[in-house]
Structure formats: C-alpha cells, structure tokens
C-alpha cells in the first residue's frame, strides 16, 4: 500500500494544467507539423502515381476502362 503514496499527483507533474515549458510546447508543435507535412507528401505521391487503367498496347488495343 505504500507504493500508492509515492505516486505523484497531477499538481506535482510539471506538464499538468498548462505549466509545460515553452521549449516542450514548441517541440510538440514541430513534431505535429512535421507529421502533417510527411503525410501530405505521401498523399501527393499516392494521388499523382495512379496506374493507368488502360489494358492493351498501341498495336493491340484492349479494353479502355476510362470513365469518360
């Protein structure tokens, strides 16, 4: 039972209730921004590298599955 007495309360934690340091706040913002940028980059790659749905060659035209 003595282990429960040694646990810190929320008021003793330095990041509780908006008391975090500006450095920690900036690091968290930087990490979130970097993750968003990386996600946007991969989303761009995915949307611009869609494979063509055309089946066939110029000599033997196949089925054109375009939605036109």
PDB file of N, CA and C in Angstrom:
ATOM      1  N   UNK A   1       0.810  -1.202   0.000  1.00  0.00           N
ATOM      2  CA  UNK A   1       0.000   0.000   0.000  1.00  0.00           C
ATOM      3  C   UNK A   1       0.854   1.266   0.000  1.00  0.00           C
ATOM      4  N   UNK A   2       2.096   1.183   0.428  1.00  0.00           N
ATOM      5  CA  UNK A   2       2.921   2.386   0.485  1.00  0.00           C
ATOM      6  C   UNK A   2       3.315   2.868  -0.909  1.00  0.00           C
ATOM      7  N   UNK A   3       3.249   2.004  -1.929  1.00  0.00           N
ATOM      8  CA  UNK A   3       3.580   2.425  -3.292  1.00  0.00           C
ATOM      9  C   UNK A   3       2.607   3.471  -3.811  1.00  0.00           C
ATOM     10  N   UNK A   4       1.360   3.400  -3.381  1.00  0.00           N
ATOM     11  CA  UNK A   4       0.370   4.376  -3.838  1.00  0.00           C
ATOM     12  C   UNK A   4       0.638   5.757  -3.261  1.00  0.00           C
ATOM     13  N   UNK A   5       1.283   5.838  -2.128  1.00  0.00           N
ATOM     14  CA  UNK A   5       1.589   7.127  -1.522  1.00  0.00           C
ATOM     15  C   UNK A   5       2.745   7.825  -2.228  1.00  0.00           C
ATOM     16  N   UNK A   6       3.584   7.064  -2.907  1.00  0.00           N
ATOM     17  CA  UNK A   6       4.747   7.640  -3.576  1.00  0.00           C
ATOM     18  C   UNK A   6       4.432   8.137  -4.986  1.00  0.00           C
ATOM     19  N   UNK A   7       3.263   7.832  -5.504  1.00  0.00           N
ATOM     20  CA  UNK A   7       2.918   8.255  -6.853  1.00  0.00           C
ATOM     21  C   UNK A   7       2.661   9.759  -6.886  1.00  0.00           C
ATOM     22  N   UNK A   8       3.151  10.436  -7.928  1.00  0.00           N
ATOM     23  CA  UNK A   8       2.933  11.886  -7.995  1.00  0.00           C
ATOM     24  C   UNK A   8       1.476  12.214  -8.305  1.00  0.00           C
ATOM     25  N   UNK A   9       1.021  13.294  -7.766  1.00  0.00           N
ATOM     26  CA  UNK A   9      -0.316  13.773  -8.091  1.00  0.00           C
ATOM     27  C   UNK A   9      -0.223  14.635  -9.340  1.00  0.00           C
ATOM     28  N   UNK A  10      -1.354  14.984  -9.901  1.00  0.00           N
ATOM     29  CA  UNK A  10      -1.347  15.808 -11.111  1.00  0.00           C
ATOM     30  C   UNK A  10      -0.688  17.158 -10.880  1.00  0.00           C
ATOM     31  N   UNK A  11      -0.851  17.719  -9.705  1.00  0.00           N
ATOM     32  CA  UNK A  11      -0.262  19.036  -9.421  1.00  0.00           C
ATOM     33  C   UNK A  11       1.257  18.986  -9.354  1.00  0.00           C
ATOM     34  N   UNK A  12       1.837  17.808  -9.066  1.00  0.00           N
ATOM     35  CA  UNK A  12       3.289  17.690  -8.974  1.00  0.00           C
ATOM     36  C   UNK A  12       3.940  17.453 -10.334  1.00  0.00           C
ATOM     37  N   UNK A  13       3.162  17.100 -11.335  1.00  0.00           N
ATOM     38  CA  UNK A  13       3.708  16.877 -12.672  1.00  0.00           C
ATOM     39  C   UNK A  13       3.868  18.234 -13.348  1.00  0.00           C
ATOM     40  N   UNK A  14       5.047  18.493 -13.893  1.00  0.00           N
ATOM     41  CA  UNK A  14       5.334  19.838 -14.414  1.00  0.00           C
ATOM     42  C   UNK A  14       4.530  20.186 -15.667  1.00  0.00           C
ATOM     43  N   UNK A  15       4.053  19.186 -16.401  1.00  0.00           N
ATOM     44  CA  UNK A  15       3.309  19.476 -17.628  1.00  0.00           C
ATOM     45  C   UNK A  15       1.806  19.540 -17.414  1.00  0.00           C
ATOM     46  N   UNK A  16       1.346  19.453 -16.205  1.00  0.00           N
ATOM     47  CA  UNK A  16      -0.085  19.421 -15.940  1.00  0.00           C
ATOM     48  C   UNK A  16      -0.653  20.834 -15.882  1.00  0.00           C
ATOM     49  N   UNK A  17      -1.844  20.996 -16.411  1.00  0.00           N
ATOM     50  CA  UNK A  17      -2.600  22.243 -16.294  1.00  0.00           C
ATOM     51  C   UNK A  17      -1.905  23.438 -16.940  1.00  0.00           C
ATOM     52  N   UNK A  18      -1.324  23.216 -18.121  1.00  0.00           N
ATOM     53  CA  UNK A  18      -0.732  24.319 -18.875  1.00  0.00           C
ATOM     54  C   UNK A  18       0.564  24.854 -18.319  1.00  0.00           C
ATOM     55  N   UNK A  19       1.266  24.082 -17.523  1.00  0.00           N
ATOM     56  CA  UNK A  19       2.518  24.565 -16.927  1.00  0.00           C
ATOM     57  C   UNK A  19       3.750  24.055 -17.668  1.00  0.00           C
ATOM     58  N   UNK A  20       3.573  23.527 -18.871  1.00  0.00           N
ATOM     59  CA  UNK A  20       4.718  22.997 -19.598  1.00  0.00           C
ATOM     60  C   UNK A  20       5.630  24.136 -20.036  1.00  0.00           C
ATOM     61  N   UNK A  21       6.881  23.798 -20.263  1.00  0.00           N
ATOM     62  CA  UNK A  21       7.837  24.821 -20.676  1.00  0.00           C
ATOM     63  C   UNK A  21       7.601  25.178 -22.144  1.00  0.00           C
ATOM     64  N   UNK A  22       7.959  26.388 -22.510  1.00  0.00           N
ATOM     65  CA  UNK A  22       7.797  26.795 -23.920  1.00  0.00           C
ATOM     66  C   UNK A  22       8.593  25.900 -24.874  1.00  0.00           C
ATOM     67  N   UNK A  23       9.733  25.396 -24.414  1.00  0.00           N
ATOM     68  CA  UNK A  23      10.542  24.514 -25.256  1.00  0.00           C
ATOM     69  C   UNK A  23       9.790  23.222 -25.585  1.00  0.00           C
ATOM     70  N   UNK A  24       9.164  22.627 -24.575  1.00  0.00           N
ATOM     71  CA  UNK A  24       8.390  21.407 -24.805  1.00  0.00           C
ATOM     72  C   UNK A  24       7.190  21.686 -25.710  1.00  0.00           C
ATOM     73  N   UNK A  25       6.549  22.798 -25.527  1.00  0.00           N
ATOM     74  CA  UNK A  25       5.399  23.159 -26.353  1.00  0.00           C
ATOM     75  C   UNK A  25       5.827  23.320 -27.804  1.00  0.00           C
ATOM     76  N   UNK A  26       6.975  23.952 -28.043  1.00  0.00           N
ATOM     77  CA  UNK A  26       7.466  24.148 -29.409  1.00  0.00           C
ATOM     78  C   UNK A  26       7.872  22.824 -30.048  1.00  0.00           C
ATOM     79  N   UNK A  27       8.447  21.916 -29.268  1.00  0.00           N
ATOM     80  CA  UNK A  27       8.833  20.611 -29.805  1.00  0.00           C
ATOM     81  C   UNK A  27       7.599  19.832 -30.228  1.00  0.00           C
ATOM     82  N   UNK A  28       6.564  19.871 -29.410  1.00  0.00           N
ATOM     83  CA  UNK A  28       5.320  19.168 -29.765  1.00  0.00           C
ATOM     84  C   UNK A  28       4.720  19.770 -31.028  1.00  0.00           C
ATOM     85  N   UNK A  29       4.698  21.072 -31.135  1.00  0.00           N
ATOM     86  CA  UNK A  29       4.186  21.722 -32.345  1.00  0.00           C
ATOM     87  C   UNK A  29       5.006  21.326 -33.569  1.00  0.00           C
ATOM     88  N   UNK A  30       6.331  21.302 -33.416  1.00  0.00           N
ATOM     89  CA  UNK A  30       7.208  20.945 -34.525  1.00  0.00           C
ATOM     90  C   UNK A  30       6.963  19.508 -34.976  1.00  0.00           C
ATOM     91  N   UNK A  31       6.804  18.596 -34.033  1.00  0.00           N
ATOM     92  CA  UNK A  31       6.548  17.192 -34.382  1.00  0.00           C
ATOM     93  C   UNK A  31       5.215  17.062 -35.113  1.00  0.00           C
ATOM     94  N   UNK A  32       4.184  17.730 -34.633  1.00  0.00           N
ATOM     95  CA  UNK A  32       2.871  17.658 -35.287  1.00  0.00           C
ATOM     96  C   UNK A  32       2.953  18.227 -36.696  1.00  0.00           C
ATOM     97  N   UNK A  33       3.627  19.346 -36.872  1.00  0.00           N
ATOM     98  CA  UNK A  33       3.758  19.960 -38.197  1.00  0.00           C
ATOM     99  C   UNK A  33       4.537  19.053 -39.141  1.00  0.00           C
ATOM    100  N   UNK A  34       5.611  18.447 -38.652  1.00  0.00           N
ATOM    101  CA  UNK A  34       6.405  17.549 -39.496  1.00  0.00           C
ATOM    102  C   UNK A  34       5.595  16.321 -39.913  1.00  0.00           C
ATOM    103  N   UNK A  35       4.811  15.777 -39.007  1.00  0.00           N
ATOM    104  CA  UNK A  35       3.972  14.619 -39.347  1.00  0.00           C
ATOM    105  C   UNK A  35       2.939  15.004 -40.401  1.00  0.00           C
ATOM    106  N   UNK A  36       2.357  16.190 -40.275  1.00  0.00           N
ATOM    107  CA  UNK A  36       1.391  16.645 -41.280  1.00  0.00           C
ATOM    108  C   UNK A  36       2.051  16.848 -42.644  1.00  0.00           C
ATOM    109  N   UNK A  37       3.258  17.388 -42.653  1.00  0.00           N
ATOM    110  CA  UNK A  37       3.972  17.600 -43.911  1.00  0.00           C
ATOM    111  C   UNK A  37       4.318  16.264 -44.557  1.00  0.00           C
ATOM    112  N   UNK A  38       4.797  15.317 -43.771  1.00  0.00           N
ATOM    113  CA  UNK A  38       5.129  13.999 -44.309  1.00  0.00           C
ATOM    114  C   UNK A  38       3.874  13.311 -44.839  1.00  0.00           C
ATOM    115  N   UNK A  39       2.769  13.419 -44.108  1.00  0.00           N
ATOM    116  CA  UNK A  39       1.513  12.835 -44.574  1.00  0.00           C
ATOM    117  C   UNK A  39       1.033  13.464 -45.865  1.00  0.00           C
ATOM    118  N   UNK A  40       1.164  14.777 -45.982  1.00  0.00           N
ATOM    119  CA  UNK A  40       0.768  15.463 -47.208  1.00  0.00           C
ATOM    120  C   UNK A  40       1.651  15.031 -48.380  1.00  0.00           C
ATOM    121  N   UNK A  41       2.915  14.826 -48.130  1.00  0.00           N
ATOM    122  CA  UNK A  41       3.835  14.375 -49.170  1.00  0.00           C
ATOM    123  C   UNK A  41       3.434  12.996 -49.689  1.00  0.00           C
ATOM    124  N   UNK A  42       3.160  12.065 -48.776  1.00  0.00           N
ATOM    125  CA  UNK A  42       2.757  10.728 -49.204  1.00  0.00           C
ATOM    126  C   UNK A  42       1.393  10.742 -49.884  1.00  0.00           C
ATOM    127  N   UNK A  43       0.494  11.591 -49.442  1.00  0.00           N
ATOM    128  CA  UNK A  43      -0.808  11.709 -50.104  1.00  0.00           C
ATOM    129  C   UNK A  43      -0.625  12.241 -51.524  1.00  0.00           C
ATOM    130  N   UNK A  44       0.266  13.202 -51.704  1.00  0.00           N
ATOM    131  CA  UNK A  44       0.557  13.730 -53.038  1.00  0.00           C
ATOM    132  C   UNK A  44       1.125  12.639 -53.941  1.00  0.00           C
ATOM    133  N   UNK A  45       2.074  11.872 -53.407  1.00  0.00           N
ATOM    134  CA  UNK A  45       2.656  10.790 -54.197  1.00  0.00           C
ATOM    135  C   UNK A  45       1.606   9.766 -54.592  1.00  0.00           C
ATOM    136  N   UNK A  46       0.722   9.465 -53.684  1.00  0.00           N
ATOM    137  CA  UNK A  46      -0.302   8.463 -53.968  1.00  0.00           C
ATOM    138  C   UNK A  46      -1.274   8.958 -55.036  1.00  0.00           C
ATOM    139  N   UNK A  47      -1.655  10.209 -54.987  1.00  0.00           N
ATOM    140  CA  UNK A  47      -2.637  10.707 -55.955  1.00  0.00           C
ATOM    141  C   UNK A  47      -2.023  10.953 -57.332  1.00  0.00           C
ATOM    142  N   UNK A  48      -0.737  11.235 -57.397  1.00  0.00           N
ATOM    143  CA  UNK A  48      -0.125  11.522 -58.694  1.00  0.00           C
ATOM    144  C   UNK A  48       0.456  10.284 -59.358  1.00  0.00           C
ATOM    145  N   UNK A  49       0.521   9.180 -58.680  1.00  0.00           N
ATOM    146  CA  UNK A  49       1.118   7.982 -59.272  1.00  0.00           C
ATOM    147  C   UNK A  49       0.093   6.872 -59.440  1.00  0.00           C
ATOM    148  N   UNK A  50      -1.133   7.242 -59.813  1.00  0.00           N
ATOM    149  CA  UNK A  50      -2.158   6.233 -60.050  1.00  0.00           C
ATOM    150  C   UNK A  50      -1.835   5.483 -61.337  1.00  0.00           C
ATOM    151  N   UNK A  51      -1.946   4.176 -61.308  1.00  0.00           N
ATOM    152  CA  UNK A  51      -1.665   3.428 -62.530  1.00  0.00           C
ATOM    153  C   UNK A  51      -2.765   3.644 -63.562  1.00  0.00           C
ATOM    154  N   UNK A  52      -2.402   3.530 -64.796  1.00  0.00           N
ATOM    155  CA  UNK A  52      -3.370   3.688 -65.879  1.00  0.00           C
ATOM    156  C   UNK A  52      -4.269   2.458 -65.923  1.00  0.00           C
ATOM    157  N   UNK A  53      -5.551   2.674 -66.167  1.00  0.00           N
ATOM    158  CA  UNK A  53      -6.494   1.568 -66.247  1.00  0.00           C
ATOM    159  C   UNK A  53      -6.575   0.996 -67.662  1.00  0.00           C
ATOM    160  N   UNK A  54      -5.799   1.543 -68.582  1.00  0.00           N
ATOM    161  CA  UNK A  54      -5.861   1.087 -69.972  1.00  0.00           C
ATOM    162  C   UNK A  54      -5.198  -0.279 -70.084  1.00  0.00           C
ATOM    163  N   UNK A  55      -5.907  -1.189 -70.727  1.00  0.00           N
ATOM    164  CA  UNK A  55      -5.378  -2.538 -70.926  1.00  0.00           C
ATOM    165  C   UNK A  55      -5.151  -2.709 -72.423  1.00  0.00           C
ATOM    166  N   UNK A  56      -3.922  -2.921 -72.806  1.00  0.00           N
ATOM    167  CA  UNK A  56      -3.612  -3.120 -74.217  1.00  0.00           C
ATOM    168  C   UNK A  56      -2.350  -2.391 -74.601  1.00  0.00           C
ATOM    169  N   UNK A  57      -2.002  -2.517 -75.860  1.00  0.00           N
ATOM    170  CA  UNK A  57      -0.823  -1.857 -76.424  1.00  0.00           C
ATOM    171  C   UNK A  57      -1.267  -1.068 -77.643  1.00  0.00           C
ATOM    172  N   UNK A  58      -0.415  -0.213 -78.172  1.00  0.00           N
ATOM    173  CA  UNK A  58      -0.807   0.521 -79.397  1.00  0.00           C
ATOM    174  C   UNK A  58      -1.102  -0.421 -80.573  1.00  0.00           C
ATOM    175  N   UNK A  59      -0.389  -1.546 -80.645  1.00  0.00           N
ATOM    176  CA  UNK A  59      -0.620  -2.483 -81.742  1.00  0.00           C
ATOM    177  C   UNK A  59      -1.909  -3.281 -81.536  1.00  0.00           C
ATOM    178  N   UNK A  60      -2.197  -3.658 -80.316  1.00  0.00           N
ATOM    179  CA  UNK A  60      -3.387  -4.441 -79.985  1.00  0.00           C
ATOM    180  C   UNK A  60      -4.198  -3.704 -78.922  1.00  0.00           C
ATOM    181  N   UNK A  61      -5.031  -2.791 -79.366  1.00  0.00           N
ATOM    182  CA  UNK A  61      -5.803  -2.057 -78.372  1.00  0.00           C
ATOM    183  C   UNK A  61      -6.697  -3.004 -77.578  1.00  0.00           C
ATOM    184  N   UNK A  62      -6.760  -2.765 -76.304  1.00  0.00           N
ATOM    185  CA  UNK A  62      -7.564  -3.604 -75.444  1.00  0.00           C
ATOM    186  C   UNK A  62      -8.794  -2.869 -74.970  1.00  0.00           C
ATOM    187  N   UNK A  63      -9.173  -3.168 -73.783  1.00  0.00           N
ATOM    188  CA  UNK A  63     -10.360  -2.564 -73.206  1.00  0.00           C
ATOM    189  C   UNK A  63      -9.962  -1.236 -72.574  1.00  0.00           C
ATOM    190  N   UNK A  64     -10.648  -0.165 -72.937  1.00  0.00           N
ATOM    191  CA  UNK A  64     -10.404   1.134 -72.330  1.00  0.00           C
ATOM    192  C   UNK A  64     -11.405   1.299 -71.195  1.00  0.00           C
ATOM    193  N   UNK A  65     -10.909   1.301 -69.976  1.00  0.00           N
ATOM    194  CA  UNK A  65     -11.800   1.358 -68.811  1.00  0.00           C
ATOM    195  C   UNK A  65     -11.918   2.764 -68.251  1.00  0.00           C
ATOM    196  N   UNK A  66     -11.558   3.774 -69.043  1.00  0.00           N
ATOM    197  CA  UNK A  66     -11.671   5.138 -68.529  1.00  0.00           C
ATOM    198  C   UNK A  66     -13.135   5.474 -68.307  1.00  0.00           C
ATOM    199  N   UNK A  67     -13.387   6.385 -67.433  1.00  0.00           N
ATOM    200  CA  UNK A  67     -14.746   6.717 -67.036  1.00  0.00           C
ATOM    201  C   UNK A  67     -15.335   7.832 -67.884  1.00  0.00           C
ATOM    202  N   UNK A  68     -14.825   8.054 -69.073  1.00  0.00           N
ATOM    203  CA  UNK A  68     -15.322   9.117 -69.955  1.00  0.00           C
ATOM    204  C   UNK A  68     -16.594   8.718 -70.625  1.00  0.00           C
TER     205      UNK A  68
END
